[in-house]
Amino acid sequence: MEVDVIVLCLNSGSSSLKLALFSGDERLAWCTVEGIGTAKGVSRTRGKGGAALREEPARVANHGDAVHAGLDALLGHGFPSPAAAGHRFVHGGPRQHEPCRIDARLLAGLRAAVPFAPLHLPAAILGVEAISARIPGLSQVACFDTHFHWEMPEIARRLPLPRELYEAGVRRYGFHGLSYESVVAEVGSDALGRAVIAHLGNGASMVAIRDGRSIDTTMGMTPAGGFMMGTRSGDLDPGVLVHLLDAHHYDSRRLEELVDRRSGLLATSESTSDMRALLAARTADGRAALAVEMFCYQAAKAAGAFATALGGLDSLVFTGGIGEHAAPVREAICARLEHLGVVIDPARNATNARVISADGSHCIAMVLPADEERTIARQTNAVLSA
């Protein structure tokens, strides 16, 4: 198959779906479906340059239905039908990480890997099934977040557990790899130097980059690890989980619900996981203020640790919904990193400029949009043209 075919890129979140049509590197249009499984679902369709085309209710029960709603929206505006589809998969388990064509054997392996990412993999699998039903025979490609981190040094990959567990797949994998790959491609490895990239959204992580490659990352075996997130706990003392099992009679499913859906900003604020709402409420609501402060403290601590792993810090890049749009969060994180040469310009930061560091800052601080869909398009074209 020739490169630069029309590729439909699907990026499934836990309760959202992004669909984008690409021709080569050009984004023709995209549609986001949010609030999947709720009564407040909404679909937003945009054309070239982000021109708003349509916004309408989208009360869809699951990600499979969201695929049909998104395709209806895109094709209903006259955009071309795809010749292939590329899907983001957060995790492929201990064996699968290379971008590859999707077939029955791969799907079976992905279903077996669901325990590694129970929030994300079922939704992505539904997306594959929906495309197969909607456009039978369409070539589909799986693109894995874990691929970007696969060659991390062993000291970063290993957990301090017996080797038989490591060989069974109990290890650190890392996530948001498609986002990180897009930043490296946009900026260039030479310009980044020793870099920390912070993908801050409802799911949040950081990566330490040297020579354009991941040498360490905050998330571990699952996307629940690292620093606190919207509804995820991040790293916990293992004794906390043992205590909950023994003293509070939790089982594994209840623990999963706790660390994936009932922790993080939501648990600390006791109100919401939405950073925008927390920033608006923090002056009058001490719990909202604490949630924001804890998030920024933990994120800055992670960035500082990675500066140590890198032997210094040449650049700091913010991406993801919070990273791109929450200037107060960036300011609070960077204020804790001034001893590492991070000095931001308040005016640049307030306008979400591409470069937010002050002139003369030893470390360049940047804000870049996450472009996972473009990475999916590139990887899909590469697989199809191999």
Protein backbone atom coordinates (compact mmCIF):
# COMPACT_ATOMS: atom_id res chain seq x y z
CA MET A 1 0.00 0.00 0.00
CA GLU A 2 1.31 3.46 -0.85
CA VAL A 3 2.10 5.92 1.91
CA ASP A 4 0.01 9.05 2.48
CA VAL A 5 -3.29 7.23 2.28
CA ILE A 6 -6.19 8.69 4.25
CA VAL A 7 -5.67 7.36 7.77
CA LEU A 8 -8.28 7.50 10.51
CA CYS A 9 -6.50 7.83 13.87
CA LEU A 10 -8.37 6.74 17.00
CA ASN A 11 -7.20 7.82 20.44
CA SER A 12 -9.32 6.30 23.21
CA GLY A 13 -9.40 7.72 26.72
CA SER A 14 -11.27 6.22 29.64
CA SER A 15 -14.42 8.26 28.84
CA SER A 16 -13.52 10.02 25.61
CA LEU A 17 -12.50 9.32 22.01
CA LYS A 18 -10.60 11.44 19.50
CA LEU A 19 -10.88 10.61 15.80
CA ALA A 20 -8.67 12.40 13.28
CA LEU A 21 -8.31 12.06 9.51
CA PHE A 22 -4.79 12.48 8.12
CA SER A 23 -3.34 12.57 4.65
CA GLY A 24 0.35 12.03 5.27
CA ASP A 25 1.27 14.57 7.95
CA GLU A 26 -1.70 16.82 7.18
CA ARG A 27 -4.61 16.77 9.61
CA LEU A 28 -7.74 17.11 7.49
CA ALA A 29 -10.34 17.09 10.28
CA TRP A 30 -11.04 15.67 13.68
CA CYS A 31 -13.87 14.87 16.04
CA THR A 32 -13.87 14.43 19.80
CA VAL A 33 -16.56 12.53 21.65
CA GLU A 34 -16.57 13.23 25.38
CA GLY A 35 -18.68 11.99 28.26
CA ILE A 36 -19.02 8.48 26.85
CA GLY A 37 -21.45 6.45 28.92
CA THR A 38 -23.02 9.52 30.53
CA ALA A 39 -26.10 11.63 29.82
CA LYS A 40 -23.88 14.66 29.13
CA GLY A 41 -21.94 13.30 26.15
CA VAL A 42 -20.97 15.77 23.45
CA SER A 43 -19.38 15.55 20.00
CA ARG A 44 -17.24 18.37 18.54
CA THR A 45 -16.09 18.36 14.92
CA ARG A 46 -13.35 20.58 13.50
CA GLY A 47 -11.82 21.04 10.08
CA LYS A 48 -8.45 22.25 8.83
CA GLY A 49 -6.77 24.73 11.13
CA GLY A 50 -9.17 23.87 13.93
CA ALA A 51 -12.18 25.56 12.34
CA ALA A 52 -15.27 24.64 14.38
CA LEU A 53 -17.81 22.81 12.25
CA ARG A 54 -20.34 21.33 14.62
CA GLU A 55 -21.09 20.62 18.27
CA GLU A 56 -23.95 18.39 19.29
CA PRO A 57 -25.08 16.01 22.04
CA ALA A 58 -23.64 12.52 21.72
CA ARG A 59 -25.28 10.18 24.20
CA VAL A 60 -23.31 7.04 23.42
CA ALA A 61 -23.12 4.00 25.66
CA ASN A 62 -19.56 2.93 24.92
CA HIS A 63 -16.48 3.58 22.77
CA GLY A 64 -17.80 1.41 19.96
CA ASP A 65 -20.87 3.61 19.63
CA ALA A 66 -18.60 6.68 19.89
CA VAL A 67 -16.64 5.47 16.84
CA HIS A 68 -19.84 5.39 14.79
CA ALA A 69 -20.91 8.82 16.07
CA GLY A 70 -17.51 10.32 15.26
CA LEU A 71 -17.39 8.79 11.78
CA ASP A 72 -20.92 9.99 11.09
CA ALA A 73 -19.83 13.51 12.03
CA LEU A 74 -16.67 13.47 9.89
CA LEU A 75 -18.14 11.82 6.81
CA GLY A 76 -21.29 13.89 7.13
CA HIS A 77 -19.18 16.98 6.44
CA GLY A 78 -17.86 15.49 3.24
CA PHE A 79 -14.44 14.43 4.43
CA PRO A 80 -12.97 11.40 2.64
CA SER A 81 -13.45 7.86 3.86
CA PRO A 82 -10.33 6.33 5.40
CA ALA A 83 -8.20 3.74 3.62
CA ALA A 84 -6.72 2.57 6.93
CA ALA A 85 -7.13 3.08 10.66
CA GLY A 86 -4.51 3.48 13.38
CA HIS A 87 -5.35 2.93 17.03
CA ARG A 88 -3.61 4.10 20.19
CA PHE A 89 -3.07 1.28 22.66
CA VAL A 90 -1.83 2.32 26.07
CA HIS A 91 -0.36 -1.11 26.79
CA GLY A 92 0.48 -4.23 24.83
CA GLY A 93 1.57 -6.34 27.77
CA PRO A 94 5.06 -7.77 28.21
CA ARG A 95 5.55 -8.86 24.59
CA GLN A 96 3.80 -6.52 22.18
CA HIS A 97 5.10 -2.98 21.70
CA GLU A 98 6.07 -2.51 18.02
CA PRO A 99 3.48 -0.84 15.77
CA CYS A 100 1.84 -3.63 13.78
CA ARG A 101 -1.20 -4.70 11.79
CA ILE A 102 -4.15 -5.84 13.86
CA ASP A 103 -5.33 -9.41 13.36
CA ALA A 104 -7.19 -11.99 15.44
CA ARG A 105 -4.02 -13.16 17.17
CA LEU A 106 -3.04 -9.64 18.21
CA LEU A 107 -6.55 -8.92 19.48
CA ALA A 108 -6.42 -12.05 21.62
CA GLY A 109 -3.12 -10.87 23.10
CA LEU A 110 -4.54 -7.42 23.80
CA ARG A 111 -7.54 -8.91 25.58
CA ALA A 112 -5.14 -10.93 27.73
CA ALA A 113 -3.25 -7.68 28.52
CA VAL A 114 -6.34 -5.85 29.87
CA PRO A 115 -5.23 -6.27 33.52
CA PHE A 116 -2.22 -4.05 32.71
CA ALA A 117 -4.49 -1.12 31.74
CA PRO A 118 -8.11 -1.84 32.68
CA LEU A 119 -9.18 1.79 32.21
CA HIS A 120 -7.99 2.01 28.62
CA LEU A 121 -7.58 -1.30 26.79
CA PRO A 122 -11.26 -2.39 26.73
CA ALA A 123 -12.20 0.95 25.15
CA ALA A 124 -9.50 0.68 22.48
CA ILE A 125 -10.51 -2.89 21.64
CA LEU A 126 -14.12 -1.75 21.20
CA GLY A 127 -12.81 0.84 18.74
CA VAL A 128 -11.14 -1.86 16.63
CA GLU A 129 -14.30 -3.95 16.63
CA ALA A 130 -16.43 -0.96 15.65
CA ILE A 131 -14.18 -0.13 12.69
CA SER A 132 -14.28 -3.78 11.55
CA ALA A 133 -18.08 -3.69 11.65
CA ARG A 134 -18.36 -0.30 9.99
CA ILE A 135 -15.76 -0.80 7.23
CA PRO A 136 -15.12 -4.55 6.83
CA GLY A 137 -11.66 -5.42 5.55
CA LEU A 138 -10.11 -2.02 6.39
CA SER A 139 -6.43 -2.31 7.33
CA GLN A 140 -5.97 -1.46 11.02
CA VAL A 141 -2.73 -0.80 12.89
CA ALA A 142 -1.98 -0.83 16.61
CA CYS A 143 0.33 1.88 17.98
CA PHE A 144 1.60 1.42 21.52
CA ASP A 145 2.46 4.03 24.16
CA THR A 146 4.92 1.59 25.69
CA HIS A 147 7.09 1.40 22.54
CA PHE A 148 8.77 4.76 23.19
CA HIS A 149 10.07 3.54 26.57
CA TRP A 150 10.93 -0.03 25.58
CA GLU A 151 14.70 0.49 25.55
CA MET A 152 14.93 2.22 28.92
CA PRO A 153 18.02 1.14 30.86
CA GLU A 154 17.53 -1.90 33.08
CA ILE A 155 18.01 0.21 36.21
CA ALA A 156 14.87 2.13 35.20
CA ARG A 157 12.91 -0.88 33.89
CA ARG A 158 13.38 -3.22 36.82
CA LEU A 159 11.36 -3.28 40.01
CA PRO A 160 13.21 -4.51 43.12
CA LEU A 161 11.34 -7.83 43.04
CA PRO A 162 12.45 -11.43 42.30
CA ARG A 163 13.63 -12.08 38.73
CA GLU A 164 10.87 -14.59 38.03
CA LEU A 165 8.34 -11.78 38.38
CA TYR A 166 10.35 -9.57 36.02
CA GLU A 167 10.41 -12.38 33.48
CA ALA A 168 6.64 -12.74 33.89
CA GLY A 169 6.16 -9.10 32.87
CA VAL A 170 6.13 -7.40 36.28
CA ARG A 171 8.31 -4.42 35.37
CA ARG A 172 8.13 -0.73 34.56
CA TYR A 173 6.82 0.08 31.07
CA GLY A 174 5.99 3.79 30.86
CA PHE A 175 3.15 5.47 28.99
CA HIS A 176 2.16 8.60 27.00
CA GLY A 177 4.82 7.43 24.55
CA LEU A 178 2.94 8.63 21.46
CA SER A 179 2.74 12.12 22.98
CA TYR A 180 6.43 12.12 23.90
CA GLU A 181 7.41 10.92 20.44
CA SER A 182 5.47 13.81 18.91
CA VAL A 183 7.35 16.34 21.08
CA VAL A 184 10.76 14.87 20.18
CA ALA A 185 9.81 14.96 16.49
CA GLU A 186 8.60 18.56 16.76
CA VAL A 187 11.54 20.01 18.70
CA GLY A 188 14.37 17.67 17.71
CA SER A 189 16.65 15.70 19.99
CA ASP A 190 19.58 18.11 19.67
CA ALA A 191 17.45 21.12 20.66
CA LEU A 192 15.92 19.24 23.59
CA GLY A 193 19.25 18.11 25.03
CA ARG A 194 18.74 16.77 28.54
CA ALA A 195 14.99 17.19 28.77
CA VAL A 196 12.01 16.51 30.96
CA ILE A 197 8.70 16.35 29.12
CA ALA A 198 5.60 16.65 31.29
CA HIS A 199 2.37 15.29 29.83
CA LEU A 200 -0.15 16.74 32.27
CA GLY A 201 -3.81 15.88 31.84
CA ASN A 202 -6.36 13.76 33.65
CA GLY A 203 -3.65 11.14 33.28
CA ALA A 204 -0.24 12.66 33.93
CA SER A 205 3.35 11.53 33.64
CA MET A 206 6.87 12.74 32.91
CA VAL A 207 9.78 11.34 30.95
CA ALA A 208 13.52 11.99 31.14
CA ILE A 209 14.98 12.35 27.63
CA ARG A 210 18.60 12.05 26.55
CA ASP A 211 19.56 11.96 22.85
CA GLY A 212 15.87 11.85 22.00
CA ARG A 213 15.32 8.63 23.95
CA SER A 214 13.50 7.77 27.16
CA ILE A 215 15.89 6.93 30.00
CA ASP A 216 13.25 6.99 32.76
CA THR A 217 9.59 7.83 33.28
CA THR A 218 7.23 8.28 36.21
CA MET A 219 4.54 5.73 35.34
CA GLY A 220 5.49 2.12 35.98
CA MET A 221 3.84 -1.21 35.25
CA THR A 222 0.43 0.43 34.78
CA PRO A 223 -0.85 3.96 34.06
CA ALA A 224 -1.87 4.25 37.73
CA GLY A 225 1.74 4.86 38.84
CA GLY A 226 3.84 8.00 39.16
CA PHE A 227 2.59 11.25 40.70
CA MET A 228 -1.06 11.97 41.52
CA MET A 229 -3.51 12.53 38.66
CA GLY A 230 -7.14 13.43 38.12
CA THR A 231 -8.61 10.27 39.64
CA ARG A 232 -5.52 8.05 39.95
CA SER A 233 -3.43 7.81 43.08
CA GLY A 234 0.03 7.60 41.59
CA ASP A 235 2.68 5.76 43.57
CA LEU A 236 1.65 4.47 47.00
CA ASP A 237 3.51 2.83 49.84
CA PRO A 238 2.89 -0.90 49.14
CA GLY A 239 2.03 -1.27 52.81
CA VAL A 240 -1.03 0.92 52.25
CA LEU A 241 -2.46 -1.69 49.87
CA VAL A 242 -1.65 -4.55 52.27
CA HIS A 243 -3.33 -2.59 55.07
CA LEU A 244 -6.46 -2.02 52.96
CA LEU A 245 -6.61 -5.72 52.13
CA ASP A 246 -6.17 -6.85 55.75
CA ALA A 247 -7.81 -4.17 57.88
CA HIS A 248 -10.49 -2.81 55.54
CA HIS A 249 -11.32 -6.04 53.67
CA TYR A 250 -10.66 -4.66 50.19
CA ASP A 251 -10.37 -7.11 47.31
CA SER A 252 -8.47 -6.57 44.08
CA ARG A 253 -11.41 -5.07 42.20
CA ARG A 254 -12.11 -2.59 45.00
CA LEU A 255 -8.42 -1.64 45.10
CA GLU A 256 -8.47 -1.09 41.34
CA GLU A 257 -11.52 1.16 41.68
CA LEU A 258 -9.78 3.12 44.44
CA VAL A 259 -6.43 3.73 42.74
CA ASP A 260 -7.83 4.31 39.23
CA ARG A 261 -11.12 6.14 39.76
CA ARG A 262 -11.46 7.47 43.33
CA SER A 263 -8.07 8.99 44.15
CA GLY A 264 -5.87 11.88 43.01
CA LEU A 265 -7.32 15.36 42.61
CA LEU A 266 -10.85 14.01 43.06
CA ALA A 267 -10.11 12.41 46.41
CA THR A 268 -8.04 15.29 47.78
CA SER A 269 -10.47 18.03 46.75
CA GLU A 270 -13.53 15.90 47.61
CA SER A 271 -15.28 17.58 44.69
CA THR A 272 -13.78 17.19 41.20
CA SER A 273 -10.87 15.93 39.13
CA ASP A 274 -11.11 18.93 36.77
CA MET A 275 -8.06 21.15 37.22
CA ARG A 276 -9.88 24.13 35.70
CA ALA A 277 -12.59 23.91 38.34
CA LEU A 278 -10.03 23.46 41.12
CA LEU A 279 -8.04 26.52 40.05
CA ALA A 280 -11.24 28.57 39.96
CA ALA A 281 -12.30 27.38 43.43
CA ARG A 282 -8.99 27.32 45.31
CA THR A 283 -9.22 30.83 46.77
CA ALA A 284 -12.41 29.99 48.64
CA ASP A 285 -12.02 26.23 49.00
CA GLY A 286 -9.08 24.96 51.04
CA ARG A 287 -9.51 21.40 49.80
CA ALA A 288 -9.31 22.55 46.18
CA ALA A 289 -6.20 24.56 47.02
CA LEU A 290 -4.60 21.54 48.68
CA ALA A 291 -5.30 19.33 45.67
CA VAL A 292 -3.66 21.83 43.30
CA GLU A 293 -0.67 22.33 45.60
CA MET A 294 -0.13 18.59 46.05
CA PHE A 295 -0.25 18.03 42.30
CA CYS A 296 2.28 20.77 41.59
CA TYR A 297 4.55 19.66 44.44
CA GLN A 298 4.60 16.05 43.31
CA ALA A 299 5.16 17.01 39.66
CA ALA A 300 8.05 19.32 40.54
CA LYS A 301 9.59 16.63 42.73
CA ALA A 302 9.46 14.20 39.82
CA ALA A 303 11.08 16.73 37.47
CA GLY A 304 13.82 17.37 40.02
CA ALA A 305 14.53 13.66 40.33
CA PHE A 306 14.83 13.36 36.55
CA ALA A 307 17.25 16.29 36.43
CA THR A 308 19.44 14.19 38.73
CA ALA A 309 19.08 11.14 36.47
CA LEU A 310 20.04 13.29 33.46
CA GLY A 311 22.92 15.08 35.17
CA GLY A 312 21.32 18.47 34.51
CA LEU A 313 18.38 20.01 32.71
CA ASP A 314 18.50 21.81 29.35
CA SER A 315 14.78 21.91 28.56
CA LEU A 316 11.41 21.41 30.22
CA VAL A 317 8.39 20.84 27.98
CA PHE A 318 4.75 20.98 29.08
CA THR A 319 2.07 19.22 27.05
CA GLY A 320 -1.37 17.64 27.61
CA GLY A 321 -4.55 19.47 28.58
CA ILE A 322 -3.24 20.83 31.90
CA GLY A 323 0.28 21.31 30.63
CA GLU A 324 -0.89 23.34 27.64
CA HIS A 325 -3.59 25.47 29.26
CA ALA A 326 -3.08 25.78 33.03
CA ALA A 327 -0.58 28.61 33.43
CA PRO A 328 -0.86 28.65 37.27
CA VAL A 329 0.12 24.98 37.38
CA ARG A 330 3.16 25.56 35.17
CA GLU A 331 4.13 28.55 37.29
CA ALA A 332 3.92 26.60 40.54
CA ILE A 333 5.95 23.70 39.14
CA CYS A 334 8.65 25.93 37.66
CA ALA A 335 8.93 28.00 40.85
CA ARG A 336 10.12 24.86 42.62
CA LEU A 337 12.75 24.25 39.94
CA GLU A 338 14.51 27.61 39.90
CA HIS A 339 17.58 26.05 41.53
CA LEU A 340 17.90 23.96 38.35
CA GLY A 341 17.93 27.04 36.14
CA VAL A 342 14.22 27.14 35.28
CA VAL A 343 13.09 30.77 35.20
CA ILE A 344 9.82 31.57 33.44
CA ASP A 345 8.55 34.84 32.00
CA PRO A 346 5.15 35.55 33.64
CA ALA A 347 3.72 37.27 30.56
CA ARG A 348 4.76 34.47 28.22
CA ASN A 349 3.43 31.87 30.61
CA ALA A 350 0.09 33.65 30.97
CA THR A 351 -0.46 33.54 27.19
CA ASN A 352 0.60 29.88 26.79
CA ALA A 353 3.45 30.95 24.50
CA ARG A 354 5.57 28.26 22.87
CA VAL A 355 8.60 29.40 24.90
CA ILE A 356 7.67 30.50 28.42
CA SER A 357 11.14 30.76 29.93
CA ALA A 358 12.69 34.16 30.50
CA ASP A 359 15.54 35.42 28.34
CA GLY A 360 18.74 34.17 29.91
CA SER A 361 17.12 31.21 31.65
CA HIS A 362 19.60 28.34 31.77
CA CYS A 363 16.79 25.86 31.05
CA ILE A 364 14.38 26.52 28.17
CA ALA A 365 10.76 25.95 29.20
CA MET A 366 8.24 25.31 26.43
CA VAL A 367 4.56 24.60 25.90
CA LEU A 368 3.61 22.31 23.01
CA PRO A 369 0.29 20.71 22.08
CA ALA A 370 0.13 16.94 22.47
CA ASP A 371 -0.21 15.41 19.00
CA GLU A 372 -0.65 11.70 19.59
CA GLU A 373 -2.84 11.41 16.51
CA ARG A 374 -0.06 12.63 14.20
CA THR A 375 2.29 10.03 15.67
CA ILE A 376 -0.38 7.36 15.09
CA ALA A 377 -0.70 8.50 11.45
CA ARG A 378 3.06 8.32 10.92
CA GLN A 379 3.38 4.90 12.51
CA THR A 380 0.37 3.56 10.59
CA ASN A 381 1.80 4.75 7.27
CA ALA A 382 5.15 3.20 8.15
CA VAL A 383 3.57 -0.19 8.90
CA LEU A 384 1.43 -0.16 5.77
CA SER A 385 4.34 0.78 3.52
CA ALA A 386 6.78 -1.78 4.99
